[in-house]
């Protein structure tokens, strides 16, 4: 099914494929579906249908085309638009979210009450107020949106705000550990913890941040919320293991990549959104809306991050570009490019370890439509996020979450 999906996408890509598809066969049903899709595309072109109308027509005709993994759902062709929907004046999501996050980093540092000077300095190193605070912003906006939807309450509960702190702590701990695993030398425009203090101490610092987050989580006293957020820590570990492995079958490879992306990035956002919805509203339908919004925005966020690894510069990113290739990782742009340049399969399997592999793979990606295809996939996830969050009652916070999905797509660092 993944093979069928990829081949159809190549037919509808923003520019024609440079090479024939890689090896792999389709059954009779797949071939007939592909012919029908091609016929539909030709008819659409002759009628000068817009690109998104074409997507909509093919989605309705072949709803399973997009089920390349359990994390990739069928979505209607709804554009991420910059206009808010509640009729209220547009407010920047970050400005709106920071109303409830004043003193965020000071409060986190209080949670990290450590007597040892060196360990304290290490744990507080990334909590310097220079991060985007993307996850806490989403959490408090979701909290307000769900509270308003439930009983028109415009206050964020103390426990909901605590989830925002915990989410940022879990995220930062994962960065410290990731930098050790990847032997990274820079993060957010400065040296990493492992490069300054060494790998062993960095691992312990990440562990301590996680333990402080767990203590703060236990203080909330809601067993459902505890269960939801401990799932995040399990997913982070499983996601890292997935990243260490690879799939030889190219169809399984993309599903493997998306599952890794969900566990390492999207799970934290999805489950944090779900946690604040549980604290603010008893309706399971709302909990699922919050979870689905966070999941889809999280997937889109990482897909764009993978695109920026090829299109942005190191100064903008605050970390080296082409880092994933150097680590032997095949991300979205690489996997899509592999459909046009099948010789990349061998490079993927040896994790770009031979001399010249990284440079050649980068050139293949830039010559292909891998960047565009990955961006398109991120757009689909964001449209699904908008579709989900639009089910809530109109509010400035709900509209800010809609705006945030567009910011995810247009960011350059």
Protein backbone atom coordinates (compact mmCIF):
# COMPACT_ATOMS: atom_id res chain seq x y z
CA UNK A 1 0.00 0.00 0.00
CA UNK A 2 2.88 2.35 0.77
CA UNK A 3 4.34 1.64 -2.65
CA UNK A 4 1.02 2.49 -4.30
CA UNK A 5 0.75 5.69 -2.29
CA UNK A 6 4.26 6.80 -3.22
CA UNK A 7 3.75 6.13 -6.90
CA UNK A 8 0.50 8.08 -6.94
CA UNK A 9 2.17 10.98 -5.13
CA UNK A 10 4.93 11.03 -7.72
CA UNK A 11 2.27 11.44 -10.40
CA UNK A 12 0.87 14.47 -8.59
CA UNK A 13 4.17 15.98 -7.44
CA UNK A 14 5.07 19.60 -7.98
CA UNK A 15 7.60 18.61 -10.63
CA UNK A 16 8.01 15.40 -12.61
CA UNK A 17 10.05 12.52 -11.30
CA UNK A 18 13.57 12.31 -12.66
CA UNK A 19 13.79 8.53 -12.50
CA UNK A 20 11.54 5.55 -12.72
CA UNK A 21 10.23 4.17 -9.42
CA UNK A 22 12.38 1.75 -7.48
CA UNK A 23 11.78 -1.97 -7.59
CA UNK A 24 8.59 -3.40 -6.19
CA UNK A 25 5.46 -4.91 -7.65
CA UNK A 26 1.79 -4.06 -7.32
CA UNK A 27 -1.00 -6.58 -7.28
CA UNK A 28 -3.92 -6.41 -9.69
CA UNK A 29 -5.92 -4.27 -7.29
CA UNK A 30 -2.96 -1.91 -6.86
CA UNK A 31 -2.40 -1.64 -10.62
CA UNK A 32 -6.04 -1.00 -11.34
CA UNK A 33 -6.13 1.58 -8.57
CA UNK A 34 -3.04 3.24 -10.00
CA UNK A 35 -4.54 3.32 -13.50
CA UNK A 36 -7.74 4.78 -12.08
CA UNK A 37 -5.74 7.38 -10.20
CA UNK A 38 -3.79 8.27 -13.33
CA UNK A 39 -7.03 8.54 -15.30
CA UNK A 40 -8.50 10.77 -12.65
CA UNK A 41 -5.36 12.91 -12.70
CA UNK A 42 -5.50 13.25 -16.50
CA UNK A 43 -9.17 14.18 -16.41
CA UNK A 44 -8.47 16.70 -13.69
CA UNK A 45 -5.61 18.24 -15.67
CA UNK A 46 -7.74 18.58 -18.77
CA UNK A 47 -10.43 20.28 -16.76
CA UNK A 48 -7.78 22.54 -15.20
CA UNK A 49 -8.75 21.49 -11.69
CA UNK A 50 -6.76 23.03 -8.89
CA UNK A 51 -4.17 20.87 -7.16
CA UNK A 52 -6.13 20.58 -3.94
CA UNK A 53 -9.32 19.73 -5.79
CA UNK A 54 -7.41 16.90 -7.43
CA UNK A 55 -6.25 15.69 -4.02
CA UNK A 56 -9.81 15.87 -2.74
CA UNK A 57 -11.22 13.89 -5.67
CA UNK A 58 -8.58 11.17 -5.40
CA UNK A 59 -8.88 10.99 -1.63
CA UNK A 60 -12.60 10.35 -1.87
CA UNK A 61 -12.09 7.77 -4.62
CA UNK A 62 -9.21 5.96 -2.91
CA UNK A 63 -9.48 6.50 0.85
CA UNK A 64 -6.81 3.89 1.59
CA UNK A 65 -4.20 5.48 -0.66
CA UNK A 66 -2.84 7.47 2.26
CA UNK A 67 -2.81 4.74 4.91
CA UNK A 68 0.94 4.22 4.70
CA UNK A 69 1.06 3.75 8.47
CA UNK A 70 -1.26 3.90 11.42
CA UNK A 71 -0.10 7.45 11.99
CA UNK A 72 -1.10 8.69 8.53
CA UNK A 73 -4.82 9.31 8.26
CA UNK A 74 -7.07 10.33 5.41
CA UNK A 75 -7.69 14.08 5.53
CA UNK A 76 -9.98 16.35 3.55
CA UNK A 77 -8.43 19.05 1.42
CA UNK A 78 -8.75 21.81 3.99
CA UNK A 79 -6.20 24.59 3.63
CA UNK A 80 -4.34 25.98 6.63
CA UNK A 81 -5.50 29.56 6.46
CA UNK A 82 -4.20 32.60 8.30
CA UNK A 83 -7.62 34.01 9.18
CA UNK A 84 -9.05 33.24 12.57
CA UNK A 85 -12.50 31.66 12.73
CA UNK A 86 -14.10 33.05 15.85
CA UNK A 87 -14.43 36.54 14.37
CA UNK A 88 -12.11 38.01 17.02
CA UNK A 89 -9.03 40.06 16.24
CA UNK A 90 -5.98 37.97 15.31
CA UNK A 91 -3.48 37.57 18.14
CA UNK A 92 -0.04 36.07 17.75
CA UNK A 93 -0.15 32.57 19.30
CA UNK A 94 3.10 33.11 21.17
CA UNK A 95 1.98 36.42 22.64
CA UNK A 96 -1.33 34.87 23.65
CA UNK A 97 0.29 31.80 25.17
CA UNK A 98 2.90 33.71 27.17
CA UNK A 99 0.14 35.26 29.29
CA UNK A 100 0.07 31.98 31.20
CA UNK A 101 3.79 31.25 30.98
CA UNK A 102 5.32 34.25 32.71
CA UNK A 103 8.14 33.01 34.89
CA UNK A 104 8.19 29.65 33.03
CA UNK A 105 11.93 29.12 33.22
CA UNK A 106 12.23 30.47 36.75
CA UNK A 107 9.59 27.97 37.84
CA UNK A 108 11.40 25.15 36.07
CA UNK A 109 14.64 26.09 37.80
CA UNK A 110 12.79 25.93 41.11
CA UNK A 111 11.76 22.38 40.28
CA UNK A 112 15.43 21.61 39.71
CA UNK A 113 16.39 22.32 43.30
CA UNK A 114 19.95 21.02 43.36
CA UNK A 115 22.62 21.71 45.95
CA UNK A 116 25.62 20.61 43.87
CA UNK A 117 26.85 23.63 41.90
CA UNK A 118 28.10 21.81 38.82
CA UNK A 119 25.03 19.58 38.48
CA UNK A 120 22.76 22.59 38.96
CA UNK A 121 24.59 24.49 36.21
CA UNK A 122 24.29 21.54 33.83
CA UNK A 123 20.57 20.99 34.45
CA UNK A 124 19.74 24.66 34.05
CA UNK A 125 21.94 25.10 30.97
CA UNK A 126 19.12 24.96 28.38
CA UNK A 127 16.52 26.67 30.58
CA UNK A 128 17.98 30.07 29.75
CA UNK A 129 14.82 31.60 28.27
CA UNK A 130 16.23 31.54 24.73
CA UNK A 131 14.22 28.55 23.48
CA UNK A 132 11.00 28.88 21.46
CA UNK A 133 8.92 27.25 24.24
CA UNK A 134 6.87 25.76 21.40
CA UNK A 135 5.50 22.90 23.49
CA UNK A 136 4.47 24.95 26.56
CA UNK A 137 2.74 27.44 24.26
CA UNK A 138 0.67 24.68 22.64
CA UNK A 139 -0.17 23.21 26.05
CA UNK A 140 -1.55 26.40 27.61
CA UNK A 141 -3.43 27.36 24.44
CA UNK A 142 -4.99 23.89 24.35
CA UNK A 143 -5.86 24.16 28.04
CA UNK A 144 -7.75 27.41 27.52
CA UNK A 145 -9.42 26.18 24.33
CA UNK A 146 -10.70 23.04 26.10
CA UNK A 147 -11.80 24.96 29.21
CA UNK A 148 -13.76 27.43 27.10
CA UNK A 149 -15.29 24.62 25.09
CA UNK A 150 -16.40 22.81 28.26
CA UNK A 151 -17.81 25.57 30.47
CA UNK A 152 -16.63 28.85 28.98
CA UNK A 153 -13.96 29.16 31.66
CA UNK A 154 -11.11 31.39 30.52
CA UNK A 155 -8.74 30.48 33.33
CA UNK A 156 -5.89 28.02 33.12
CA UNK A 157 -5.76 25.72 36.12
CA UNK A 158 -2.52 25.49 38.08
CA UNK A 159 -2.33 21.79 37.22
CA UNK A 160 -2.70 22.55 33.50
CA UNK A 161 0.11 25.10 33.66
CA UNK A 162 2.20 22.49 35.47
CA UNK A 163 1.79 20.22 32.43
CA UNK A 164 3.39 22.95 30.30
CA UNK A 165 6.44 23.00 32.60
CA UNK A 166 6.64 19.21 32.68
CA UNK A 167 6.43 19.00 28.87
CA UNK A 168 9.34 21.42 28.50
CA UNK A 169 11.37 19.51 31.08
CA UNK A 170 10.80 16.15 29.39
CA UNK A 171 11.65 17.69 26.01
CA UNK A 172 14.87 19.26 27.32
CA UNK A 173 15.95 16.05 29.05
CA UNK A 174 15.48 14.22 25.75
CA UNK A 175 17.67 16.81 24.00
CA UNK A 176 20.46 16.28 26.53
CA UNK A 177 20.29 12.51 26.03
CA UNK A 178 20.01 12.80 22.24
CA UNK A 179 23.13 14.95 22.10
CA UNK A 180 25.04 12.27 23.98
CA UNK A 181 23.82 9.53 21.62
CA UNK A 182 24.56 11.65 18.54
CA UNK A 183 27.83 13.07 19.90
CA UNK A 184 26.45 16.51 18.99
CA UNK A 185 28.64 19.56 19.54
CA UNK A 186 26.12 22.41 19.26
CA UNK A 187 22.51 23.03 20.24
CA UNK A 188 20.55 26.31 20.11
CA UNK A 189 23.64 28.14 18.95
CA UNK A 190 25.92 27.08 21.80
CA UNK A 191 27.99 24.09 22.90
CA UNK A 192 26.08 21.05 24.10
CA UNK A 193 26.12 19.79 27.68
CA UNK A 194 28.10 16.70 26.69
CA UNK A 195 30.81 18.75 25.00
CA UNK A 196 31.26 21.01 28.03
CA UNK A 197 30.92 18.54 30.91
CA UNK A 198 31.40 15.18 29.20
CA UNK A 199 29.04 12.37 28.21
CA UNK A 200 28.73 10.64 31.59
CA UNK A 201 27.75 13.79 33.44
CA UNK A 202 25.38 14.80 30.61
CA UNK A 203 23.50 11.50 30.91
CA UNK A 204 23.09 12.06 34.65
CA UNK A 205 21.90 15.64 34.09
CA UNK A 206 19.24 14.42 31.66
CA UNK A 207 18.16 11.78 34.17
CA UNK A 208 17.86 14.36 36.91
CA UNK A 209 15.69 16.64 34.76
CA UNK A 210 13.42 13.67 34.02
CA UNK A 211 13.18 12.80 37.71
CA UNK A 212 12.25 16.39 38.59
CA UNK A 213 9.55 16.30 35.89
CA UNK A 214 8.23 13.04 37.35
CA UNK A 215 8.01 14.53 40.84
CA UNK A 216 6.12 17.55 39.48
CA UNK A 217 3.79 15.18 37.60
CA UNK A 218 3.10 13.13 40.73
CA UNK A 219 2.15 16.30 42.62
CA UNK A 220 -0.74 16.88 40.21
CA UNK A 221 -2.35 13.82 41.78
CA UNK A 222 -4.35 12.67 38.76
CA UNK A 223 -3.61 9.03 37.92
CA UNK A 224 -5.00 9.34 34.39
CA UNK A 225 -2.71 12.26 33.64
CA UNK A 226 0.26 10.43 35.17
CA UNK A 227 -0.46 7.45 32.91
CA UNK A 228 -0.76 9.70 29.83
CA UNK A 229 2.55 11.46 30.35
CA UNK A 230 4.56 8.43 31.41
CA UNK A 231 3.63 7.02 28.00
CA UNK A 232 5.70 9.86 26.54
CA UNK A 233 8.86 8.69 28.29
CA UNK A 234 8.33 5.15 27.04
CA UNK A 235 7.77 6.46 23.51
CA UNK A 236 10.97 8.51 23.64
CA UNK A 237 13.00 5.42 24.47
CA UNK A 238 11.25 3.26 21.87
CA UNK A 239 11.65 6.01 19.28
CA UNK A 240 15.37 6.18 19.91
CA UNK A 241 15.63 2.42 19.42
CA UNK A 242 13.69 2.72 16.16
CA UNK A 243 16.14 5.40 15.01
CA UNK A 244 19.05 3.08 15.69
CA UNK A 245 17.57 0.48 13.32
CA UNK A 246 16.51 0.51 9.68
CA UNK A 247 14.30 -1.44 7.30
CA UNK A 248 15.60 -3.11 4.16
CA UNK A 249 12.19 -3.08 2.48
CA UNK A 250 11.60 0.41 1.08
CA UNK A 251 7.84 0.24 1.70
CA UNK A 252 8.36 -0.61 5.37
CA UNK A 253 11.06 2.04 5.62
CA UNK A 254 8.67 4.98 5.39
CA UNK A 255 6.28 3.55 7.99
CA UNK A 256 9.30 2.94 10.23
CA UNK A 257 10.34 6.58 9.77
CA UNK A 258 6.88 7.92 10.62
CA UNK A 259 6.57 5.71 13.68
CA UNK A 260 9.97 6.90 14.90
CA UNK A 261 8.93 10.50 14.24
CA UNK A 262 5.73 10.05 16.24
CA UNK A 263 7.46 8.48 19.22
CA UNK A 264 10.41 10.88 19.36
CA UNK A 265 8.58 14.14 18.65
CA UNK A 266 4.81 13.99 18.28
CA UNK A 267 3.98 11.80 21.29
CA UNK A 268 5.05 14.49 23.77
CA UNK A 269 2.90 17.16 22.11
CA UNK A 270 -0.07 14.83 21.61
CA UNK A 271 -0.11 13.46 25.14
CA UNK A 272 0.55 16.85 26.77
CA UNK A 273 -2.45 18.27 24.90
CA UNK A 274 -4.52 15.28 25.97
CA UNK A 275 -3.41 15.67 29.59
CA UNK A 276 -4.60 19.29 29.88
CA UNK A 277 -7.88 18.37 28.19
CA UNK A 278 -8.45 15.64 30.79
CA UNK A 279 -7.81 18.16 33.57
CA UNK A 280 -10.20 20.72 32.08
CA UNK A 281 -13.01 18.71 30.51
CA UNK A 282 -14.60 15.32 31.26
CA UNK A 283 -15.62 14.62 27.63
CA UNK A 284 -13.54 11.83 25.98
CA UNK A 285 -14.37 13.33 22.57
CA UNK A 286 -12.50 16.50 23.56
CA UNK A 287 -9.58 14.42 24.83
CA UNK A 288 -9.31 12.77 21.42
CA UNK A 289 -9.52 16.11 19.60
CA UNK A 290 -6.68 17.47 21.74
CA UNK A 291 -4.59 14.34 21.18
CA UNK A 292 -5.14 14.30 17.42
CA UNK A 293 -4.30 17.98 17.09
CA UNK A 294 -1.06 17.52 19.03
CA UNK A 295 -0.14 14.38 17.13
CA UNK A 296 -0.60 15.93 13.70
CA UNK A 297 1.13 19.20 14.55
CA UNK A 298 3.98 17.23 16.11
CA UNK A 299 4.45 15.09 13.02
CA UNK A 300 4.37 18.17 10.78
CA UNK A 301 6.86 19.95 13.05
CA UNK A 302 9.42 17.17 12.72
CA UNK A 303 8.87 16.77 8.97
CA UNK A 304 9.64 20.46 8.49
CA UNK A 305 12.65 20.05 10.79
CA UNK A 306 13.86 17.29 8.47
CA UNK A 307 13.34 19.59 5.47
CA UNK A 308 15.29 22.40 7.13
CA UNK A 309 18.22 20.03 7.61
CA UNK A 310 18.62 20.30 3.83
CA UNK A 311 17.43 23.84 3.12
CA UNK A 312 18.53 25.99 6.06
CA UNK A 313 21.98 27.08 7.13
CA UNK A 314 23.75 26.21 10.37
CA UNK A 315 23.55 29.78 11.68
CA UNK A 316 19.76 29.82 11.33
CA UNK A 317 19.26 26.37 12.82
CA UNK A 318 21.65 26.79 15.72
CA UNK A 319 23.07 23.35 14.93
CA UNK A 320 24.89 21.79 11.94
CA UNK A 321 22.83 21.03 8.85
CA UNK A 322 22.98 17.66 7.06
CA UNK A 323 23.37 16.32 10.59
CA UNK A 324 20.92 13.48 10.00
CA UNK A 325 22.86 12.17 7.01
CA UNK A 326 26.07 12.30 9.01
CA UNK A 327 24.34 10.24 11.70
CA UNK A 328 23.27 7.71 9.08
CA UNK A 329 19.58 8.65 9.24
CA UNK A 330 17.25 8.53 6.25
CA UNK A 331 14.56 11.15 6.85
CA UNK A 332 11.56 12.10 4.71
CA UNK A 333 13.43 14.04 1.99
CA UNK A 334 15.87 11.13 1.58
CA UNK A 335 13.15 8.49 1.42
CA UNK A 336 11.18 10.42 -1.19
CA UNK A 337 14.35 11.12 -3.19
CA UNK A 338 15.10 7.41 -3.14
CA UNK A 339 12.02 6.87 -5.33
CA UNK A 340 13.71 8.90 -8.07
CA UNK A 341 17.27 7.74 -7.40
CA UNK A 342 17.09 4.01 -6.50
CA UNK A 343 20.88 3.89 -6.10
CA UNK A 344 20.33 5.62 -2.76
CA UNK A 345 18.94 2.35 -1.35
CA UNK A 346 22.41 0.92 -0.87
CA UNK A 347 23.56 4.13 0.78
CA UNK A 348 20.62 4.05 3.17
CA UNK A 349 21.32 0.46 4.16
CA UNK A 350 24.97 1.24 4.96
CA UNK A 351 23.79 4.41 6.76
CA UNK A 352 25.82 6.73 4.50
CA UNK A 353 29.03 5.34 5.98
CA UNK A 354 31.16 5.09 2.81
CA UNK A 355 33.34 8.03 1.77
CA UNK A 356 31.31 10.60 -0.18
CA UNK A 357 27.93 9.09 0.74
CA UNK A 358 26.73 12.13 2.69
CA UNK A 359 27.57 14.61 -0.08
CA UNK A 360 26.11 12.41 -2.82
CA UNK A 361 22.92 11.77 -0.85
CA UNK A 362 22.50 15.49 -0.21
CA UNK A 363 22.86 16.23 -3.92
CA UNK A 364 20.34 13.52 -4.81
CA UNK A 365 17.85 15.03 -2.37
CA UNK A 366 18.30 18.53 -3.75
CA UNK A 367 17.96 17.28 -7.35
CA UNK A 368 14.80 15.36 -6.52
CA UNK A 369 11.40 16.50 -5.28
CA UNK A 370 12.09 15.00 -1.83
CA UNK A 371 11.96 18.36 -0.07
CA UNK A 372 8.70 19.33 -1.77
CA UNK A 373 7.10 15.96 -1.11
CA UNK A 374 8.05 16.07 2.58
CA UNK A 375 6.69 19.59 2.84
CA UNK A 376 3.47 18.45 1.18
CA UNK A 377 3.12 15.64 3.70
CA UNK A 378 3.63 18.13 6.54
CA UNK A 379 0.88 20.28 5.03
CA UNK A 380 -1.48 17.32 5.08
CA UNK A 381 -0.81 16.70 8.76
CA UNK A 382 -1.39 20.37 9.53
CA UNK A 383 -4.68 20.35 7.63
CA UNK A 384 -5.75 17.38 9.73
CA UNK A 385 -4.75 19.27 12.89
CA UNK A 386 -6.88 22.23 11.78
CA UNK A 387 -9.79 19.94 11.03
CA UNK A 388 -9.59 18.44 14.52
CA UNK A 389 -9.20 21.65 16.53
CA UNK A 390 -11.99 23.32 14.54
CA UNK A 391 -14.42 20.94 16.28
CA UNK A 392 -14.00 22.95 19.50
CA UNK A 393 -16.10 25.99 20.33
CA UNK A 394 -14.68 29.19 18.74
CA UNK A 395 -12.23 31.08 20.96
CA UNK A 396 -9.06 33.16 20.52
CA UNK A 397 -7.05 30.21 21.84
CA UNK A 398 -8.59 27.78 19.39
CA UNK A 399 -7.84 30.20 16.57
CA UNK A 400 -4.29 30.64 17.85
CA UNK A 401 -3.82 26.87 17.62
CA UNK A 402 -5.00 27.05 14.00
CA UNK A 403 -2.46 29.83 13.40
CA UNK A 404 0.23 27.78 15.08
CA UNK A 405 -0.21 24.98 12.56
CA UNK A 406 0.62 27.47 9.81
CA UNK A 407 3.63 28.76 11.72
CA UNK A 408 4.92 25.19 11.88
CA UNK A 409 4.89 25.04 8.08
CA UNK A 410 6.50 28.43 7.45
CA UNK A 411 9.25 28.44 10.09
CA UNK A 412 12.85 28.65 8.90
CA UNK A 413 14.63 27.44 12.05
